[in-house]
Amino acid sequence: MALYDETVAGLDQLPELERTILTRQYIKGEYQLTTRDGLGLKSSAYYRRQIKARRHLADALNEAPAFQRLEISFTP
């Protein structure tokens, strides 16, 4: 339960657009194209935002006590 709570807290720290991208694509399972079109982003802008969102989430999770031992890293 602690991992879930800290993951949600990490998502809550992200800017709205980044949180929306991660939530729709990875939690709700939407196709990337559907998520991108729904947000009105071009491919390159969506890709940059997705990378930024994943990097920010990894940083937030590494600060959470339950994840600190895991050393989560991000590679695009």
PDB file of N, CA and C in Angstrom:
ATOM      1  N   MET A   1       0.822  -1.183   0.000  1.00  0.00           N
ATOM      2  CA  MET A   1       0.000   0.000   0.000  1.00  0.00           C
ATOM      3  C   MET A   1       0.875   1.259   0.000  1.00  0.00           C
ATOM      4  N   ALA A   2       2.011   1.204   0.672  1.00  0.00           N
ATOM      5  CA  ALA A   2       2.900   2.363   0.722  1.00  0.00           C
ATOM      6  C   ALA A   2       3.433   2.696  -0.670  1.00  0.00           C
ATOM      7  N   LEU A   3       3.753   1.676  -1.473  1.00  0.00           N
ATOM      8  CA  LEU A   3       4.260   1.927  -2.819  1.00  0.00           C
ATOM      9  C   LEU A   3       3.207   2.637  -3.664  1.00  0.00           C
ATOM     10  N   TYR A   4       1.963   2.179  -3.548  1.00  0.00           N
ATOM     11  CA  TYR A   4       0.868   2.815  -4.298  1.00  0.00           C
ATOM     12  C   TYR A   4       0.709   4.271  -3.871  1.00  0.00           C
ATOM     13  N   ASP A   5       0.667   4.511  -2.571  1.00  0.00           N
ATOM     14  CA  ASP A   5       0.483   5.868  -2.055  1.00  0.00           C
ATOM     15  C   ASP A   5       1.609   6.795  -2.517  1.00  0.00           C
ATOM     16  N   GLU A   6       2.828   6.297  -2.505  1.00  0.00           N
ATOM     17  CA  GLU A   6       3.955   7.130  -2.915  1.00  0.00           C
ATOM     18  C   GLU A   6       3.984   7.345  -4.431  1.00  0.00           C
ATOM     19  N   THR A   7       3.507   6.367  -5.185  1.00  0.00           N
ATOM     20  CA  THR A   7       3.409   6.538  -6.632  1.00  0.00           C
ATOM     21  C   THR A   7       2.373   7.606  -6.959  1.00  0.00           C
ATOM     22  N   VAL A   8       1.222   7.545  -6.296  1.00  0.00           N
ATOM     23  CA  VAL A   8       0.182   8.551  -6.509  1.00  0.00           C
ATOM     24  C   VAL A   8       0.692   9.924  -6.086  1.00  0.00           C
ATOM     25  N   ALA A   9       1.404   9.988  -4.977  1.00  0.00           N
ATOM     26  CA  ALA A   9       1.966  11.257  -4.524  1.00  0.00           C
ATOM     27  C   ALA A   9       2.975  11.793  -5.547  1.00  0.00           C
ATOM     28  N   GLY A  10       3.763  10.900  -6.139  1.00  0.00           N
ATOM     29  CA  GLY A  10       4.716  11.304  -7.181  1.00  0.00           C
ATOM     30  C   GLY A  10       4.003  11.846  -8.404  1.00  0.00           C
ATOM     31  N   LEU A  11       2.916  11.200  -8.798  1.00  0.00           N
ATOM     32  CA  LEU A  11       2.128  11.690  -9.931  1.00  0.00           C
ATOM     33  C   LEU A  11       1.520  13.055  -9.617  1.00  0.00           C
ATOM     34  N   ASP A  12       1.074  13.228  -8.393  1.00  0.00           N
ATOM     35  CA  ASP A  12       0.451  14.491  -7.999  1.00  0.00           C
ATOM     36  C   ASP A  12       1.430  15.659  -8.039  1.00  0.00           C
ATOM     37  N   GLN A  13       2.722  15.383  -7.956  1.00  0.00           N
ATOM     38  CA  GLN A  13       3.737  16.441  -7.995  1.00  0.00           C
ATOM     39  C   GLN A  13       4.006  16.934  -9.415  1.00  0.00           C
ATOM     40  N   LEU A  14       3.591  16.161 -10.411  1.00  0.00           N
ATOM     41  CA  LEU A  14       3.863  16.514 -11.797  1.00  0.00           C
ATOM     42  C   LEU A  14       2.930  17.621 -12.281  1.00  0.00           C
ATOM     43  N   PRO A  15       3.396  18.402 -13.262  1.00  0.00           N
ATOM     44  CA  PRO A  15       2.495  19.363 -13.894  1.00  0.00           C
ATOM     45  C   PRO A  15       1.304  18.632 -14.530  1.00  0.00           C
ATOM     46  N   GLU A  16       0.196  19.329 -14.669  1.00  0.00           N
ATOM     47  CA  GLU A  16      -1.061  18.741 -15.155  1.00  0.00           C
ATOM     48  C   GLU A  16      -0.904  17.945 -16.454  1.00  0.00           C
ATOM     49  N   LEU A  17      -0.234  18.519 -17.453  1.00  0.00           N
ATOM     50  CA  LEU A  17      -0.100  17.842 -18.741  1.00  0.00           C
ATOM     51  C   LEU A  17       0.715  16.563 -18.611  1.00  0.00           C
ATOM     52  N   GLU A  18       1.795  16.605 -17.863  1.00  0.00           N
ATOM     53  CA  GLU A  18       2.621  15.407 -17.680  1.00  0.00           C
ATOM     54  C   GLU A  18       1.849  14.321 -16.935  1.00  0.00           C
ATOM     55  N   ARG A  19       1.108  14.704 -15.912  1.00  0.00           N
ATOM     56  CA  ARG A  19       0.307  13.743 -15.150  1.00  0.00           C
ATOM     57  C   ARG A  19      -0.761  13.115 -16.052  1.00  0.00           C
ATOM     58  N   THR A  20      -1.369  13.934 -16.902  1.00  0.00           N
ATOM     59  CA  THR A  20      -2.396  13.435 -17.824  1.00  0.00           C
ATOM     60  C   THR A  20      -1.816  12.428 -18.800  1.00  0.00           C
ATOM     61  N   ILE A  21      -0.642  12.735 -19.348  1.00  0.00           N
ATOM     62  CA  ILE A  21       0.002  11.817 -20.299  1.00  0.00           C
ATOM     63  C   ILE A  21       0.267  10.464 -19.640  1.00  0.00           C
ATOM     64  N   LEU A  22       0.901  10.474 -18.473  1.00  0.00           N
ATOM     65  CA  LEU A  22       1.229   9.209 -17.800  1.00  0.00           C
ATOM     66  C   LEU A  22      -0.025   8.447 -17.388  1.00  0.00           C
ATOM     67  N   THR A  23      -1.000   9.158 -16.867  1.00  0.00           N
ATOM     68  CA  THR A  23      -2.224   8.502 -16.408  1.00  0.00           C
ATOM     69  C   THR A  23      -2.980   7.875 -17.567  1.00  0.00           C
ATOM     70  N   ARG A  24      -3.170   8.628 -18.637  1.00  0.00           N
ATOM     71  CA  ARG A  24      -3.958   8.105 -19.761  1.00  0.00           C
ATOM     72  C   ARG A  24      -3.241   6.977 -20.493  1.00  0.00           C
ATOM     73  N   GLN A  25      -1.939   7.120 -20.686  1.00  0.00           N
ATOM     74  CA  GLN A  25      -1.234   6.110 -21.473  1.00  0.00           C
ATOM     75  C   GLN A  25      -0.875   4.876 -20.665  1.00  0.00           C
ATOM     76  N   TYR A  26      -0.378   5.046 -19.449  1.00  0.00           N
ATOM     77  CA  TYR A  26       0.141   3.899 -18.707  1.00  0.00           C
ATOM     78  C   TYR A  26      -0.831   3.305 -17.698  1.00  0.00           C
ATOM     79  N   ILE A  27      -1.729   4.107 -17.155  1.00  0.00           N
ATOM     80  CA  ILE A  27      -2.674   3.578 -16.176  1.00  0.00           C
ATOM     81  C   ILE A  27      -3.976   3.175 -16.854  1.00  0.00           C
ATOM     82  N   LYS A  28      -4.493   4.057 -17.709  1.00  0.00           N
ATOM     83  CA  LYS A  28      -5.747   3.746 -18.402  1.00  0.00           C
ATOM     84  C   LYS A  28      -5.527   2.903 -19.650  1.00  0.00           C
ATOM     85  N   GLY A  29      -4.290   2.800 -20.104  1.00  0.00           N
ATOM     86  CA  GLY A  29      -3.953   1.937 -21.234  1.00  0.00           C
ATOM     87  C   GLY A  29      -4.347   2.473 -22.591  1.00  0.00           C
ATOM     88  N   GLU A  30      -4.468   3.782 -22.739  1.00  0.00           N
ATOM     89  CA  GLU A  30      -4.808   4.355 -24.038  1.00  0.00           C
ATOM     90  C   GLU A  30      -3.616   4.252 -24.984  1.00  0.00           C
ATOM     91  N   TYR A  31      -3.918   4.147 -26.250  1.00  0.00           N
ATOM     92  CA  TYR A  31      -2.857   4.170 -27.246  1.00  0.00           C
ATOM     93  C   TYR A  31      -2.228   5.554 -27.273  1.00  0.00           C
ATOM     94  N   GLN A  32      -0.942   5.599 -27.572  1.00  0.00           N
ATOM     95  CA  GLN A  32      -0.208   6.861 -27.600  1.00  0.00           C
ATOM     96  C   GLN A  32      -0.869   7.854 -28.547  1.00  0.00           C
ATOM     97  N   LEU A  33      -1.281   7.406 -29.711  1.00  0.00           N
ATOM     98  CA  LEU A  33      -1.903   8.286 -30.699  1.00  0.00           C
ATOM     99  C   LEU A  33      -3.201   8.893 -30.159  1.00  0.00           C
ATOM    100  N   THR A  34      -3.994   8.088 -29.475  1.00  0.00           N
ATOM    101  CA  THR A  34      -5.255   8.570 -28.896  1.00  0.00           C
ATOM    102  C   THR A  34      -4.986   9.631 -27.842  1.00  0.00           C
ATOM    103  N   THR A  35      -4.024   9.365 -26.974  1.00  0.00           N
ATOM    104  CA  THR A  35      -3.673  10.323 -25.921  1.00  0.00           C
ATOM    105  C   THR A  35      -3.139  11.608 -26.537  1.00  0.00           C
ATOM    106  N   ARG A  36      -2.239  11.480 -27.477  1.00  0.00           N
ATOM    107  CA  ARG A  36      -1.634  12.649 -28.123  1.00  0.00           C
ATOM    108  C   ARG A  36      -2.683  13.509 -28.821  1.00  0.00           C
ATOM    109  N   ASP A  37      -3.546  12.876 -29.597  1.00  0.00           N
ATOM    110  CA  ASP A  37      -4.584  13.623 -30.308  1.00  0.00           C
ATOM    111  C   ASP A  37      -5.581  14.258 -29.345  1.00  0.00           C
ATOM    112  N   GLY A  38      -5.893  13.548 -28.266  1.00  0.00           N
ATOM    113  CA  GLY A  38      -6.817  14.083 -27.275  1.00  0.00           C
ATOM    114  C   GLY A  38      -6.284  15.325 -26.588  1.00  0.00           C
ATOM    115  N   LEU A  39      -4.965  15.430 -26.499  1.00  0.00           N
ATOM    116  CA  LEU A  39      -4.337  16.595 -25.879  1.00  0.00           C
ATOM    117  C   LEU A  39      -3.992  17.674 -26.899  1.00  0.00           C
ATOM    118  N   GLY A  40      -4.167  17.359 -28.183  1.00  0.00           N
ATOM    119  CA  GLY A  40      -3.894  18.334 -29.236  1.00  0.00           C
ATOM    120  C   GLY A  40      -2.420  18.628 -29.430  1.00  0.00           C
ATOM    121  N   LEU A  41      -1.576  17.631 -29.210  1.00  0.00           N
ATOM    122  CA  LEU A  41      -0.128  17.823 -29.352  1.00  0.00           C
ATOM    123  C   LEU A  41       0.388  17.194 -30.639  1.00  0.00           C
ATOM    124  N   LYS A  42       1.417  17.799 -31.202  1.00  0.00           N
ATOM    125  CA  LYS A  42       2.113  17.198 -32.338  1.00  0.00           C
ATOM    126  C   LYS A  42       3.001  16.083 -31.808  1.00  0.00           C
ATOM    127  N   SER A  43       3.442  15.205 -32.691  1.00  0.00           N
ATOM    128  CA  SER A  43       4.255  14.052 -32.289  1.00  0.00           C
ATOM    129  C   SER A  43       5.495  14.450 -31.501  1.00  0.00           C
ATOM    130  N   SER A  44       6.239  15.415 -31.997  1.00  0.00           N
ATOM    131  CA  SER A  44       7.483  15.801 -31.335  1.00  0.00           C
ATOM    132  C   SER A  44       7.217  16.413 -29.956  1.00  0.00           C
ATOM    133  N   ALA A  45       6.189  17.223 -29.850  1.00  0.00           N
ATOM    134  CA  ALA A  45       5.856  17.836 -28.557  1.00  0.00           C
ATOM    135  C   ALA A  45       5.389  16.779 -27.568  1.00  0.00           C
ATOM    136  N   TYR A  46       4.614  15.822 -28.041  1.00  0.00           N
ATOM    137  CA  TYR A  46       4.139  14.749 -27.166  1.00  0.00           C
ATOM    138  C   TYR A  46       5.314  13.911 -26.668  1.00  0.00           C
ATOM    139  N   TYR A  47       6.218  13.573 -27.562  1.00  0.00           N
ATOM    140  CA  TYR A  47       7.381  12.766 -27.202  1.00  0.00           C
ATOM    141  C   TYR A  47       8.221  13.471 -26.146  1.00  0.00           C
ATOM    142  N   ARG A  48       8.487  14.774 -26.340  1.00  0.00           N
ATOM    143  CA  ARG A  48       9.268  15.535 -25.366  1.00  0.00           C
ATOM    144  C   ARG A  48       8.576  15.570 -24.011  1.00  0.00           C
ATOM    145  N   ARG A  49       7.258  15.799 -24.012  1.00  0.00           N
ATOM    146  CA  ARG A  49       6.503  15.857 -22.758  1.00  0.00           C
ATOM    147  C   ARG A  49       6.481  14.500 -22.064  1.00  0.00           C
ATOM    148  N   GLN A  50       6.368  13.430 -22.839  1.00  0.00           N
ATOM    149  CA  GLN A  50       6.337  12.080 -22.265  1.00  0.00           C
ATOM    150  C   GLN A  50       7.673  11.760 -21.593  1.00  0.00           C
ATOM    151  N   ILE A  51       8.769  12.089 -22.239  1.00  0.00           N
ATOM    152  CA  ILE A  51      10.094  11.854 -21.659  1.00  0.00           C
ATOM    153  C   ILE A  51      10.258  12.678 -20.385  1.00  0.00           C
ATOM    154  N   LYS A  52       9.865  13.933 -20.454  1.00  0.00           N
ATOM    155  CA  LYS A  52       9.962  14.817 -19.297  1.00  0.00           C
ATOM    156  C   LYS A  52       9.122  14.273 -18.138  1.00  0.00           C
ATOM    157  N   ALA A  53       7.922  13.808 -18.437  1.00  0.00           N
ATOM    158  CA  ALA A  53       7.032  13.276 -17.403  1.00  0.00           C
ATOM    159  C   ALA A  53       7.625  12.033 -16.749  1.00  0.00           C
ATOM    160  N   ARG A  54       8.162  11.136 -17.541  1.00  0.00           N
ATOM    161  CA  ARG A  54       8.745   9.909 -16.993  1.00  0.00           C
ATOM    162  C   ARG A  54       9.980  10.219 -16.150  1.00  0.00           C
ATOM    163  N   ARG A  55      10.796  11.177 -16.591  1.00  0.00           N
ATOM    164  CA  ARG A  55      11.978  11.568 -15.830  1.00  0.00           C
ATOM    165  C   ARG A  55      11.567  12.207 -14.502  1.00  0.00           C
ATOM    166  N   HIS A  56      10.580  13.088 -14.536  1.00  0.00           N
ATOM    167  CA  HIS A  56      10.108  13.733 -13.310  1.00  0.00           C
ATOM    168  C   HIS A  56       9.513  12.718 -12.341  1.00  0.00           C
ATOM    169  N   LEU A  57       8.764  11.748 -12.869  1.00  0.00           N
ATOM    170  CA  LEU A  57       8.183  10.725 -11.997  1.00  0.00           C
ATOM    171  C   LEU A  57       9.280   9.876 -11.364  1.00  0.00           C
ATOM    172  N   ALA A  58      10.289   9.501 -12.134  1.00  0.00           N
ATOM    173  CA  ALA A  58      11.404   8.718 -11.584  1.00  0.00           C
ATOM    174  C   ALA A  58      12.110   9.502 -10.476  1.00  0.00           C
ATOM    175  N   ASP A  59      12.317  10.792 -10.682  1.00  0.00           N
ATOM    176  CA  ASP A  59      12.949  11.626  -9.658  1.00  0.00           C
ATOM    177  C   ASP A  59      12.090  11.693  -8.396  1.00  0.00           C
ATOM    178  N   ALA A  60      10.779  11.861  -8.578  1.00  0.00           N
ATOM    179  CA  ALA A  60       9.869  11.943  -7.428  1.00  0.00           C
ATOM    180  C   ALA A  60       9.843  10.619  -6.662  1.00  0.00           C
ATOM    181  N   LEU A  61       9.857   9.515  -7.384  1.00  0.00           N
ATOM    182  CA  LEU A  61       9.821   8.204  -6.717  1.00  0.00           C
ATOM    183  C   LEU A  61      11.119   7.939  -5.963  1.00  0.00           C
ATOM    184  N   ASN A  62      12.238   8.386  -6.502  1.00  0.00           N
ATOM    185  CA  ASN A  62      13.518   8.186  -5.816  1.00  0.00           C
ATOM    186  C   ASN A  62      13.595   8.952  -4.503  1.00  0.00           C
ATOM    187  N   GLU A  63      12.817  10.014  -4.381  1.00  0.00           N
ATOM    188  CA  GLU A  63      12.774  10.773  -3.129  1.00  0.00           C
ATOM    189  C   GLU A  63      11.864  10.118  -2.093  1.00  0.00           C
ATOM    190  N   ALA A  64      10.944   9.255  -2.519  1.00  0.00           N
ATOM    191  CA  ALA A  64      10.007   8.602  -1.607  1.00  0.00           C
ATOM    192  C   ALA A  64      10.715   7.494  -0.833  1.00  0.00           C
ATOM    193  N   PRO A  65      10.481   7.414   0.472  1.00  0.00           N
ATOM    194  CA  PRO A  65      11.180   6.429   1.310  1.00  0.00           C
ATOM    195  C   PRO A  65      11.064   4.979   0.821  1.00  0.00           C
ATOM    196  N   ALA A  66       9.900   4.557   0.384  1.00  0.00           N
ATOM    197  CA  ALA A  66       9.719   3.164  -0.024  1.00  0.00           C
ATOM    198  C   ALA A  66      10.481   2.827  -1.307  1.00  0.00           C
ATOM    199  N   PHE A  67      10.796   3.822  -2.115  1.00  0.00           N
ATOM    200  CA  PHE A  67      11.469   3.581  -3.389  1.00  0.00           C
ATOM    201  C   PHE A  67      12.962   3.849  -3.343  1.00  0.00           C
ATOM    202  N   GLN A  68      13.466   4.455  -2.295  1.00  0.00           N
ATOM    203  CA  GLN A  68      14.865   4.864  -2.258  1.00  0.00           C
ATOM    204  C   GLN A  68      15.833   3.702  -2.444  1.00  0.00           C
ATOM    205  N   ARG A  69      15.519   2.554  -1.935  1.00  0.00           N
ATOM    206  CA  ARG A  69      16.424   1.405  -2.078  1.00  0.00           C
ATOM    207  C   ARG A  69      16.409   0.835  -3.494  1.00  0.00           C
ATOM    208  N   LEU A  70      15.384   1.150  -4.271  1.00  0.00           N
ATOM    209  CA  LEU A  70      15.254   0.584  -5.611  1.00  0.00           C
ATOM    210  C   LEU A  70      16.104   1.315  -6.654  1.00  0.00           C
ATOM    211  N   GLU A  71      16.471   2.568  -6.396  1.00  0.00           N
ATOM    212  CA  GLU A  71      17.259   3.378  -7.322  1.00  0.00           C
ATOM    213  C   GLU A  71      16.675   3.352  -8.730  1.00  0.00           C
ATOM    214  N   ILE A  72      15.498   3.909  -8.876  1.00  0.00           N
ATOM    215  CA  ILE A  72      14.797   3.956 -10.159  1.00  0.00           C
ATOM    216  C   ILE A  72      15.526   4.936 -11.071  1.00  0.00           C
ATOM    217  N   SER A  73      15.811   4.480 -12.285  1.00  0.00           N
ATOM    218  CA  SER A  73      16.468   5.362 -13.247  1.00  0.00           C
ATOM    219  C   SER A  73      15.595   5.459 -14.490  1.00  0.00           C
ATOM    220  N   PHE A  74      15.815   6.490 -15.238  1.00  0.00           N
ATOM    221  CA  PHE A  74      15.063   6.710 -16.462  1.00  0.00           C
ATOM    222  C   PHE A  74      16.005   6.691 -17.640  1.00  0.00           C
ATOM    223  N   THR A  75      15.642   5.945 -18.665  1.00  0.00           N
ATOM    224  CA  THR A  75      16.392   5.967 -19.918  1.00  0.00           C
ATOM    225  C   THR A  75      15.388   6.113 -21.046  1.00  0.00           C
ATOM    226  N   PRO A  76      15.550   7.119 -21.875  1.00  0.00           N
ATOM    227  CA  PRO A  76      14.583   7.345 -22.969  1.00  0.00           C
ATOM    228  C   PRO A  76      14.657   6.278 -24.038  1.00  0.00           C
TER     229      PRO A  76
END
